[in-house]
């Protein structure tokens, strides 16, 4: 998973430089119900380790809710991924504020 600044993404799209990279290791998912994550924060990109940890915890909370709570979030993320003109970052922020 790559985290990048919104301004960087708006400028360079899929070619934007990440400030944080997280690799998920799923080898233990089936036998133990665990997925381990290994993260790297790029120095000089304006994000420190503590901020990167906070982003990752928010990500876990964002996706870790009950199925009925994820429906709206899934719709928003699909709109964003498709480049749908109906996507509104304000709606995504409203959903994100519910978890913090």
PDB file of N, CA and C in Angstrom:
ATOM      1  N   UNK A   1       0.849  -1.151   0.000  1.00  0.00           N
ATOM      2  CA  UNK A   1       0.000   0.000   0.000  1.00  0.00           C
ATOM      3  C   UNK A   1       0.899   1.220   0.000  1.00  0.00           C
ATOM      4  N   UNK A   2       0.523   2.196  -0.796  1.00  0.00           N
ATOM      5  CA  UNK A   2       1.290   3.431  -0.898  1.00  0.00           C
ATOM      6  C   UNK A   2       0.456   4.589  -0.382  1.00  0.00           C
ATOM      7  N   UNK A   3       1.059   5.413   0.443  1.00  0.00           N
ATOM      8  CA  UNK A   3       0.429   6.650   0.901  1.00  0.00           C
ATOM      9  C   UNK A   3       1.177   7.807   0.257  1.00  0.00           C
ATOM     10  N   UNK A   4       0.428   8.744  -0.304  1.00  0.00           N
ATOM     11  CA  UNK A   4       1.023   9.934  -0.897  1.00  0.00           C
ATOM     12  C   UNK A   4       0.192  11.139  -0.476  1.00  0.00           C
ATOM     13  N   UNK A   5       0.769  12.311  -0.588  1.00  0.00           N
ATOM     14  CA  UNK A   5       0.033  13.537  -0.278  1.00  0.00           C
ATOM     15  C   UNK A   5      -1.014  13.777  -1.370  1.00  0.00           C
ATOM     16  N   UNK A   6      -2.160  14.318  -0.987  1.00  0.00           N
ATOM     17  CA  UNK A   6      -3.220  14.588  -1.953  1.00  0.00           C
ATOM     18  C   UNK A   6      -2.733  15.527  -3.055  1.00  0.00           C
ATOM     19  N   UNK A   7      -1.981  16.555  -2.688  1.00  0.00           N
ATOM     20  CA  UNK A   7      -1.476  17.496  -3.697  1.00  0.00           C
ATOM     21  C   UNK A   7      -0.562  16.787  -4.697  1.00  0.00           C
ATOM     22  N   UNK A   8       0.250  15.876  -4.206  1.00  0.00           N
ATOM     23  CA  UNK A   8       1.142  15.087  -5.082  1.00  0.00           C
ATOM     24  C   UNK A   8       0.317  14.220  -6.027  1.00  0.00           C
ATOM     25  N   UNK A   9      -0.739  13.600  -5.491  1.00  0.00           N
ATOM     26  CA  UNK A   9      -1.588  12.754  -6.328  1.00  0.00           C
ATOM     27  C   UNK A   9      -2.315  13.578  -7.390  1.00  0.00           C
ATOM     28  N   UNK A  10      -2.798  14.747  -7.001  1.00  0.00           N
ATOM     29  CA  UNK A  10      -3.491  15.603  -7.969  1.00  0.00           C
ATOM     30  C   UNK A  10      -2.551  16.039  -9.081  1.00  0.00           C
ATOM     31  N   UNK A  11      -1.291  16.253  -8.736  1.00  0.00           N
ATOM     32  CA  UNK A  11      -0.307  16.716  -9.712  1.00  0.00           C
ATOM     33  C   UNK A  11       0.181  15.599 -10.630  1.00  0.00           C
ATOM     34  N   UNK A  12       0.473  14.422 -10.055  1.00  0.00           N
ATOM     35  CA  UNK A  12       1.112  13.359 -10.822  1.00  0.00           C
ATOM     36  C   UNK A  12       0.275  12.095 -10.988  1.00  0.00           C
ATOM     37  N   UNK A  13      -0.892  12.039 -10.351  1.00  0.00           N
ATOM     38  CA  UNK A  13      -1.756  10.878 -10.494  1.00  0.00           C
ATOM     39  C   UNK A  13      -1.071   9.596 -10.065  1.00  0.00           C
ATOM     40  N   UNK A  14      -1.188   8.564 -10.877  1.00  0.00           N
ATOM     41  CA  UNK A  14      -0.637   7.257 -10.526  1.00  0.00           C
ATOM     42  C   UNK A  14       0.891   7.254 -10.468  1.00  0.00           C
ATOM     43  N   UNK A  15       1.517   8.324 -10.908  1.00  0.00           N
ATOM     44  CA  UNK A  15       2.976   8.416 -10.868  1.00  0.00           C
ATOM     45  C   UNK A  15       3.475   9.219  -9.666  1.00  0.00           C
ATOM     46  N   UNK A  16       2.588   9.533  -8.737  1.00  0.00           N
ATOM     47  CA  UNK A  16       2.978  10.313  -7.559  1.00  0.00           C
ATOM     48  C   UNK A  16       3.914   9.518  -6.660  1.00  0.00           C
ATOM     49  N   UNK A  17       4.768  10.248  -5.964  1.00  0.00           N
ATOM     50  CA  UNK A  17       5.738   9.616  -5.061  1.00  0.00           C
ATOM     51  C   UNK A  17       5.114   9.382  -3.697  1.00  0.00           C
ATOM     52  N   UNK A  18       5.236   8.173  -3.166  1.00  0.00           N
ATOM     53  CA  UNK A  18       4.673   7.905  -1.845  1.00  0.00           C
ATOM     54  C   UNK A  18       5.577   8.438  -0.739  1.00  0.00           C
ATOM     55  N   UNK A  19       4.953   8.819   0.380  1.00  0.00           N
ATOM     56  CA  UNK A  19       5.740   9.176   1.557  1.00  0.00           C
ATOM     57  C   UNK A  19       5.839   7.980   2.499  1.00  0.00           C
ATOM     58  N   UNK A  20       4.920   7.023   2.345  1.00  0.00           N
ATOM     59  CA  UNK A  20       4.915   5.824   3.178  1.00  0.00           C
ATOM     60  C   UNK A  20       4.522   4.628   2.322  1.00  0.00           C
ATOM     61  N   UNK A  21       5.217   3.527   2.516  1.00  0.00           N
ATOM     62  CA  UNK A  21       4.916   2.283   1.820  1.00  0.00           C
ATOM     63  C   UNK A  21       4.715   1.200   2.871  1.00  0.00           C
ATOM     64  N   UNK A  22       3.634   0.437   2.736  1.00  0.00           N
ATOM     65  CA  UNK A  22       3.353  -0.655   3.663  1.00  0.00           C
ATOM     66  C   UNK A  22       3.175  -1.935   2.848  1.00  0.00           C
ATOM     67  N   UNK A  23       3.892  -2.967   3.249  1.00  0.00           N
ATOM     68  CA  UNK A  23       3.767  -4.281   2.632  1.00  0.00           C
ATOM     69  C   UNK A  23       3.056  -5.191   3.613  1.00  0.00           C
ATOM     70  N   UNK A  24       2.021  -5.854   3.154  1.00  0.00           N
ATOM     71  CA  UNK A  24       1.270  -6.771   4.010  1.00  0.00           C
ATOM     72  C   UNK A  24       1.691  -8.204   3.705  1.00  0.00           C
ATOM     73  N   UNK A  25       2.019  -8.942   4.757  1.00  0.00           N
ATOM     74  CA  UNK A  25       2.434 -10.337   4.637  1.00  0.00           C
ATOM     75  C   UNK A  25       1.283 -11.214   5.101  1.00  0.00           C
ATOM     76  N   UNK A  26       0.714 -11.955   4.181  1.00  0.00           N
ATOM     77  CA  UNK A  26      -0.504 -12.711   4.465  1.00  0.00           C
ATOM     78  C   UNK A  26      -0.268 -14.190   4.758  1.00  0.00           C
ATOM     79  N   UNK A  27       0.963 -14.571   4.964  1.00  0.00           N
ATOM     80  CA  UNK A  27       1.277 -15.982   5.187  1.00  0.00           C
ATOM     81  C   UNK A  27       0.560 -16.569   6.404  1.00  0.00           C
ATOM     82  N   UNK A  28       0.295 -15.739   7.398  1.00  0.00           N
ATOM     83  CA  UNK A  28      -0.359 -16.224   8.620  1.00  0.00           C
ATOM     84  C   UNK A  28      -1.868 -15.987   8.628  1.00  0.00           C
ATOM     85  N   UNK A  29      -2.397 -15.429   7.551  1.00  0.00           N
ATOM     86  CA  UNK A  29      -3.826 -15.105   7.508  1.00  0.00           C
ATOM     87  C   UNK A  29      -4.699 -16.337   7.691  1.00  0.00           C
ATOM     88  N   UNK A  30      -4.428 -17.368   6.955  1.00  0.00           N
ATOM     89  CA  UNK A  30      -5.252 -18.574   7.024  1.00  0.00           C
ATOM     90  C   UNK A  30      -5.055 -19.347   8.326  1.00  0.00           C
ATOM     91  N   UNK A  31      -3.823 -19.701   8.679  1.00  0.00           N
ATOM     92  CA  UNK A  31      -3.690 -20.539   9.877  1.00  0.00           C
ATOM     93  C   UNK A  31      -3.895 -19.810  11.203  1.00  0.00           C
ATOM     94  N   UNK A  32      -3.571 -18.509  11.261  1.00  0.00           N
ATOM     95  CA  UNK A  32      -3.607 -17.798  12.546  1.00  0.00           C
ATOM     96  C   UNK A  32      -4.570 -16.617  12.575  1.00  0.00           C
ATOM     97  N   UNK A  33      -5.112 -16.222  11.421  1.00  0.00           N
ATOM     98  CA  UNK A  33      -5.996 -15.061  11.382  1.00  0.00           C
ATOM     99  C   UNK A  33      -5.252 -13.748  11.556  1.00  0.00           C
ATOM    100  N   UNK A  34      -3.977 -13.719  11.174  1.00  0.00           N
ATOM    101  CA  UNK A  34      -3.141 -12.527  11.306  1.00  0.00           C
ATOM    102  C   UNK A  34      -2.589 -12.097   9.960  1.00  0.00           C
ATOM    103  N   UNK A  35      -2.505 -10.807   9.754  1.00  0.00           N
ATOM    104  CA  UNK A  35      -1.802 -10.255   8.602  1.00  0.00           C
ATOM    105  C   UNK A  35      -0.800  -9.260   9.166  1.00  0.00           C
ATOM    106  N   UNK A  36       0.450  -9.497   8.891  1.00  0.00           N
ATOM    107  CA  UNK A  36       1.506  -8.616   9.380  1.00  0.00           C
ATOM    108  C   UNK A  36       1.789  -7.532   8.353  1.00  0.00           C
ATOM    109  N   UNK A  37       2.122  -6.328   8.848  1.00  0.00           N
ATOM    110  CA  UNK A  37       2.456  -5.224   7.966  1.00  0.00           C
ATOM    111  C   UNK A  37       3.844  -4.707   8.261  1.00  0.00           C
ATOM    112  N   UNK A  38       4.568  -4.361   7.206  1.00  0.00           N
ATOM    113  CA  UNK A  38       5.909  -3.814   7.333  1.00  0.00           C
ATOM    114  C   UNK A  38       5.931  -2.486   6.599  1.00  0.00           C
ATOM    115  N   UNK A  39       6.234  -1.404   7.314  1.00  0.00           N
ATOM    116  CA  UNK A  39       6.162  -0.087   6.717  1.00  0.00           C
ATOM    117  C   UNK A  39       7.502   0.609   6.594  1.00  0.00           C
ATOM    118  N   UNK A  40       7.571   1.491   5.606  1.00  0.00           N
ATOM    119  CA  UNK A  40       8.745   2.327   5.381  1.00  0.00           C
ATOM    120  C   UNK A  40       8.270   3.748   5.151  1.00  0.00           C
ATOM    121  N   UNK A  41       8.885   4.688   5.847  1.00  0.00           N
ATOM    122  CA  UNK A  41       8.573   6.107   5.679  1.00  0.00           C
ATOM    123  C   UNK A  41       9.753   6.759   4.971  1.00  0.00           C
ATOM    124  N   UNK A  42       9.489   7.468   3.881  1.00  0.00           N
ATOM    125  CA  UNK A  42      10.535   8.129   3.107  1.00  0.00           C
ATOM    126  C   UNK A  42      10.888   9.449   3.785  1.00  0.00           C
ATOM    127  N   UNK A  43      12.154   9.614   4.105  1.00  0.00           N
ATOM    128  CA  UNK A  43      12.601  10.856   4.739  1.00  0.00           C
ATOM    129  C   UNK A  43      12.468  12.030   3.774  1.00  0.00           C
ATOM    130  N   UNK A  44      12.160  13.188   4.331  1.00  0.00           N
ATOM    131  CA  UNK A  44      12.085  14.405   3.534  1.00  0.00           C
ATOM    132  C   UNK A  44      10.781  14.581   2.777  1.00  0.00           C
ATOM    133  N   UNK A  45       9.790  13.738   3.057  1.00  0.00           N
ATOM    134  CA  UNK A  45       8.502  13.851   2.372  1.00  0.00           C
ATOM    135  C   UNK A  45       7.442  14.507   3.258  1.00  0.00           C
ATOM    136  N   UNK A  46       7.836  14.994   4.436  1.00  0.00           N
ATOM    137  CA  UNK A  46       6.908  15.732   5.288  1.00  0.00           C
ATOM    138  C   UNK A  46       6.066  14.881   6.217  1.00  0.00           C
ATOM    139  N   UNK A  47       6.350  13.586   6.300  1.00  0.00           N
ATOM    140  CA  UNK A  47       5.602  12.692   7.181  1.00  0.00           C
ATOM    141  C   UNK A  47       6.609  11.894   8.012  1.00  0.00           C
ATOM    142  N   UNK A  48       6.380  11.873   9.319  1.00  0.00           N
ATOM    143  CA  UNK A  48       7.240  11.103  10.197  1.00  0.00           C
ATOM    144  C   UNK A  48       6.631   9.751  10.518  1.00  0.00           C
ATOM    145  N   UNK A  49       7.360   8.966  11.271  1.00  0.00           N
ATOM    146  CA  UNK A  49       6.907   7.626  11.631  1.00  0.00           C
ATOM    147  C   UNK A  49       5.602   7.681  12.424  1.00  0.00           C
ATOM    148  N   UNK A  50       5.485   8.616  13.362  1.00  0.00           N
ATOM    149  CA  UNK A  50       4.255   8.704  14.162  1.00  0.00           C
ATOM    150  C   UNK A  50       3.032   9.020  13.302  1.00  0.00           C
ATOM    151  N   UNK A  51       3.188   9.929  12.347  1.00  0.00           N
ATOM    152  CA  UNK A  51       2.071  10.244  11.442  1.00  0.00           C
ATOM    153  C   UNK A  51       1.724   9.044  10.561  1.00  0.00           C
ATOM    154  N   UNK A  52       2.740   8.329  10.112  1.00  0.00           N
ATOM    155  CA  UNK A  52       2.498   7.141   9.276  1.00  0.00           C
ATOM    156  C   UNK A  52       1.766   6.065  10.075  1.00  0.00           C
ATOM    157  N   UNK A  53       2.142   5.880  11.337  1.00  0.00           N
ATOM    158  CA  UNK A  53       1.436   4.916  12.198  1.00  0.00           C
ATOM    159  C   UNK A  53      -0.021   5.320  12.355  1.00  0.00           C
ATOM    160  N   UNK A  54      -0.251   6.615  12.548  1.00  0.00           N
ATOM    161  CA  UNK A  54      -1.624   7.112  12.707  1.00  0.00           C
ATOM    162  C   UNK A  54      -2.436   6.844  11.440  1.00  0.00           C
ATOM    163  N   UNK A  55      -1.846   7.093  10.276  1.00  0.00           N
ATOM    164  CA  UNK A  55      -2.538   6.819   9.011  1.00  0.00           C
ATOM    165  C   UNK A  55      -2.908   5.347   8.890  1.00  0.00           C
ATOM    166  N   UNK A  56      -1.985   4.484   9.267  1.00  0.00           N
ATOM    167  CA  UNK A  56      -2.230   3.048   9.176  1.00  0.00           C
ATOM    168  C   UNK A  56      -3.330   2.618  10.149  1.00  0.00           C
ATOM    169  N   UNK A  57      -3.334   3.190  11.346  1.00  0.00           N
ATOM    170  CA  UNK A  57      -4.405   2.866  12.305  1.00  0.00           C
ATOM    171  C   UNK A  57      -5.760   3.344  11.783  1.00  0.00           C
ATOM    172  N   UNK A  58      -5.788   4.517  11.157  1.00  0.00           N
ATOM    173  CA  UNK A  58      -7.035   5.012  10.563  1.00  0.00           C
ATOM    174  C   UNK A  58      -7.494   4.092   9.437  1.00  0.00           C
ATOM    175  N   UNK A  59      -6.563   3.620   8.648  1.00  0.00           N
ATOM    176  CA  UNK A  59      -6.892   2.685   7.574  1.00  0.00           C
ATOM    177  C   UNK A  59      -7.533   1.421   8.137  1.00  0.00           C
ATOM    178  N   UNK A  60      -6.950   0.892   9.214  1.00  0.00           N
ATOM    179  CA  UNK A  60      -7.504  -0.305   9.844  1.00  0.00           C
ATOM    180  C   UNK A  60      -8.915  -0.047  10.348  1.00  0.00           C
ATOM    181  N   UNK A  61      -9.137   1.099  10.959  1.00  0.00           N
ATOM    182  CA  UNK A  61     -10.471   1.439  11.462  1.00  0.00           C
ATOM    183  C   UNK A  61     -11.447   1.650  10.307  1.00  0.00           C
ATOM    184  N   UNK A  62     -10.969   2.281   9.235  1.00  0.00           N
ATOM    185  CA  UNK A  62     -11.825   2.582   8.089  1.00  0.00           C
ATOM    186  C   UNK A  62     -12.377   1.306   7.472  1.00  0.00           C
ATOM    187  N   UNK A  63     -11.532   0.287   7.335  1.00  0.00           N
ATOM    188  CA  UNK A  63     -11.947  -0.958   6.702  1.00  0.00           C
ATOM    189  C   UNK A  63     -12.433  -2.007   7.684  1.00  0.00           C
ATOM    190  N   UNK A  64     -12.217  -1.801   8.982  1.00  0.00           N
ATOM    191  CA  UNK A  64     -12.509  -2.833   9.956  1.00  0.00           C
ATOM    192  C   UNK A  64     -13.901  -2.802  10.546  1.00  0.00           C
ATOM    193  N   UNK A  65     -14.791  -1.970  10.050  1.00  0.00           N
ATOM    194  CA  UNK A  65     -16.135  -1.876  10.609  1.00  0.00           C
ATOM    195  C   UNK A  65     -17.049  -2.972  10.073  1.00  0.00           C
ATOM    196  N   UNK A  66     -18.231  -3.031  10.623  1.00  0.00           N
ATOM    197  CA  UNK A  66     -19.229  -4.006  10.185  1.00  0.00           C
ATOM    198  C   UNK A  66     -19.577  -3.779   8.713  1.00  0.00           C
ATOM    199  N   UNK A  67     -20.018  -4.824   8.067  1.00  0.00           N
ATOM    200  CA  UNK A  67     -20.286  -4.783   6.622  1.00  0.00           C
ATOM    201  C   UNK A  67     -21.234  -3.654   6.234  1.00  0.00           C
ATOM    202  N   UNK A  68     -22.298  -3.455   7.000  1.00  0.00           N
ATOM    203  CA  UNK A  68     -23.268  -2.411   6.628  1.00  0.00           C
ATOM    204  C   UNK A  68     -22.670  -1.018   6.742  1.00  0.00           C
ATOM    205  N   UNK A  69     -21.656  -0.845   7.602  1.00  0.00           N
ATOM    206  CA  UNK A  69     -21.010   0.457   7.732  1.00  0.00           C
ATOM    207  C   UNK A  69     -20.008   0.701   6.609  1.00  0.00           C
ATOM    208  N   UNK A  70     -19.576  -0.361   5.937  1.00  0.00           N
ATOM    209  CA  UNK A  70     -18.590  -0.231   4.867  1.00  0.00           C
ATOM    210  C   UNK A  70     -19.217   0.056   3.516  1.00  0.00           C
ATOM    211  N   UNK A  71     -20.501  -0.096   3.357  1.00  0.00           N
ATOM    212  CA  UNK A  71     -21.153   0.047   2.047  1.00  0.00           C
ATOM    213  C   UNK A  71     -20.893   1.425   1.447  1.00  0.00           C
ATOM    214  N   UNK A  72     -21.129   2.473   2.202  1.00  0.00           N
ATOM    215  CA  UNK A  72     -20.924   3.835   1.703  1.00  0.00           C
ATOM    216  C   UNK A  72     -19.450   4.083   1.407  1.00  0.00           C
ATOM    217  N   UNK A  73     -18.588   3.604   2.264  1.00  0.00           N
ATOM    218  CA  UNK A  73     -17.158   3.794   2.060  1.00  0.00           C
ATOM    219  C   UNK A  73     -16.677   3.067   0.814  1.00  0.00           C
ATOM    220  N   UNK A  74     -17.180   1.871   0.607  1.00  0.00           N
ATOM    221  CA  UNK A  74     -16.791   1.102  -0.577  1.00  0.00           C
ATOM    222  C   UNK A  74     -17.239   1.834  -1.843  1.00  0.00           C
ATOM    223  N   UNK A  75     -18.444   2.380  -1.821  1.00  0.00           N
ATOM    224  CA  UNK A  75     -18.940   3.123  -2.978  1.00  0.00           C
ATOM    225  C   UNK A  75     -18.036   4.317  -3.283  1.00  0.00           C
ATOM    226  N   UNK A  76     -17.664   5.055  -2.239  1.00  0.00           N
ATOM    227  CA  UNK A  76     -16.800   6.219  -2.431  1.00  0.00           C
ATOM    228  C   UNK A  76     -15.440   5.823  -2.992  1.00  0.00           C
ATOM    229  N   UNK A  77     -14.861   4.753  -2.476  1.00  0.00           N
ATOM    230  CA  UNK A  77     -13.554   4.318  -2.950  1.00  0.00           C
ATOM    231  C   UNK A  77     -13.619   3.803  -4.384  1.00  0.00           C
ATOM    232  N   UNK A  78     -14.707   3.142  -4.740  1.00  0.00           N
ATOM    233  CA  UNK A  78     -14.867   2.689  -6.121  1.00  0.00           C
ATOM    234  C   UNK A  78     -15.009   3.879  -7.064  1.00  0.00           C
ATOM    235  N   UNK A  79     -15.764   4.907  -6.636  1.00  0.00           N
ATOM    236  CA  UNK A  79     -15.894   6.113  -7.456  1.00  0.00           C
ATOM    237  C   UNK A  79     -14.524   6.759  -7.672  1.00  0.00           C
ATOM    238  N   UNK A  80     -13.752   6.867  -6.599  1.00  0.00           N
ATOM    239  CA  UNK A  80     -12.420   7.466  -6.688  1.00  0.00           C
ATOM    240  C   UNK A  80     -11.536   6.662  -7.643  1.00  0.00           C
ATOM    241  N   UNK A  81     -11.553   5.346  -7.509  1.00  0.00           N
ATOM    242  CA  UNK A  81     -10.706   4.481  -8.329  1.00  0.00           C
ATOM    243  C   UNK A  81     -11.054   4.571  -9.811  1.00  0.00           C
ATOM    244  N   UNK A  82     -12.341   4.732 -10.117  1.00  0.00           N
ATOM    245  CA  UNK A  82     -12.775   4.826 -11.512  1.00  0.00           C
ATOM    246  C   UNK A  82     -12.596   6.220 -12.090  1.00  0.00           C
ATOM    247  N   UNK A  83     -12.332   7.202 -11.235  1.00  0.00           N
ATOM    248  CA  UNK A  83     -12.265   8.578 -11.709  1.00  0.00           C
ATOM    249  C   UNK A  83     -13.647   9.141 -11.970  1.00  0.00           C
ATOM    250  N   UNK A  84     -14.645   8.599 -11.289  1.00  0.00           N
ATOM    251  CA  UNK A  84     -16.040   9.004 -11.432  1.00  0.00           C
ATOM    252  C   UNK A  84     -16.215  10.472 -11.051  1.00  0.00           C
ATOM    253  N   UNK A  85     -16.861  11.226 -11.907  1.00  0.00           N
ATOM    254  CA  UNK A  85     -17.115  12.641 -11.648  1.00  0.00           C
ATOM    255  C   UNK A  85     -18.023  12.883 -10.459  1.00  0.00           C
ATOM    256  N   UNK A  86     -18.754  11.856 -10.026  1.00  0.00           N
ATOM    257  CA  UNK A  86     -19.635  11.982  -8.875  1.00  0.00           C
ATOM    258  C   UNK A  86     -18.916  11.866  -7.543  1.00  0.00           C
ATOM    259  N   UNK A  87     -17.623  11.498  -7.577  1.00  0.00           N
ATOM    260  CA  UNK A  87     -16.858  11.379  -6.338  1.00  0.00           C
ATOM    261  C   UNK A  87     -16.667  12.752  -5.711  1.00  0.00           C
ATOM    262  N   UNK A  88     -16.937  12.819  -4.411  1.00  0.00           N
ATOM    263  CA  UNK A  88     -16.743  14.064  -3.674  1.00  0.00           C
ATOM    264  C   UNK A  88     -15.843  13.773  -2.482  1.00  0.00           C
ATOM    265  N   UNK A  89     -14.679  14.426  -2.489  1.00  0.00           N
ATOM    266  CA  UNK A  89     -13.721  14.200  -1.404  1.00  0.00           C
ATOM    267  C   UNK A  89     -14.325  14.582  -0.056  1.00  0.00           C
ATOM    268  N   UNK A  90     -15.260  15.531  -0.054  1.00  0.00           N
ATOM    269  CA  UNK A  90     -15.913  15.931   1.192  1.00  0.00           C
ATOM    270  C   UNK A  90     -16.671  14.766   1.824  1.00  0.00           C
ATOM    271  N   UNK A  91     -17.328  13.957   0.998  1.00  0.00           N
ATOM    272  CA  UNK A  91     -18.058  12.795   1.511  1.00  0.00           C
ATOM    273  C   UNK A  91     -17.102  11.767   2.101  1.00  0.00           C
ATOM    274  N   UNK A  92     -15.957  11.577   1.432  1.00  0.00           N
ATOM    275  CA  UNK A  92     -14.955  10.655   1.960  1.00  0.00           C
ATOM    276  C   UNK A  92     -14.420  11.165   3.295  1.00  0.00           C
ATOM    277  N   UNK A  93     -14.188  12.465   3.389  1.00  0.00           N
ATOM    278  CA  UNK A  93     -13.713  13.050   4.644  1.00  0.00           C
ATOM    279  C   UNK A  93     -14.745  12.897   5.754  1.00  0.00           C
ATOM    280  N   UNK A  94     -16.014  13.058   5.423  1.00  0.00           N
ATOM    281  CA  UNK A  94     -17.072  12.852   6.423  1.00  0.00           C
ATOM    282  C   UNK A  94     -17.040  11.428   6.957  1.00  0.00           C
ATOM    283  N   UNK A  95     -16.878  10.456   6.074  1.00  0.00           N
ATOM    284  CA  UNK A  95     -16.784   9.062   6.500  1.00  0.00           C
ATOM    285  C   UNK A  95     -15.539   8.836   7.352  1.00  0.00           C
ATOM    286  N   UNK A  96     -14.443   9.430   6.936  1.00  0.00           N
ATOM    287  CA  UNK A  96     -13.182   9.264   7.679  1.00  0.00           C
ATOM    288  C   UNK A  96     -13.280   9.890   9.063  1.00  0.00           C
ATOM    289  N   UNK A  97     -13.968  11.013   9.186  1.00  0.00           N
ATOM    290  CA  UNK A  97     -14.099  11.673  10.493  1.00  0.00           C
ATOM    291  C   UNK A  97     -14.897  10.841  11.485  1.00  0.00           C
ATOM    292  N   UNK A  98     -15.714   9.937  11.003  1.00  0.00           N
ATOM    293  CA  UNK A  98     -16.489   9.082  11.888  1.00  0.00           C
ATOM    294  C   UNK A  98     -15.618   8.083  12.646  1.00  0.00           C
ATOM    295  N   UNK A  99     -14.431   7.809  12.120  1.00  0.00           N
ATOM    296  CA  UNK A  99     -13.586   6.782  12.727  1.00  0.00           C
ATOM    297  C   UNK A  99     -12.525   7.357  13.658  1.00  0.00           C
ATOM    298  N   UNK A 100     -12.219   8.621  13.551  1.00  0.00           N
ATOM    299  CA  UNK A 100     -11.107   9.196  14.318  1.00  0.00           C
ATOM    300  C   UNK A 100     -11.482   9.465  15.748  1.00  0.00           C
TER     301      UNK A 100
END
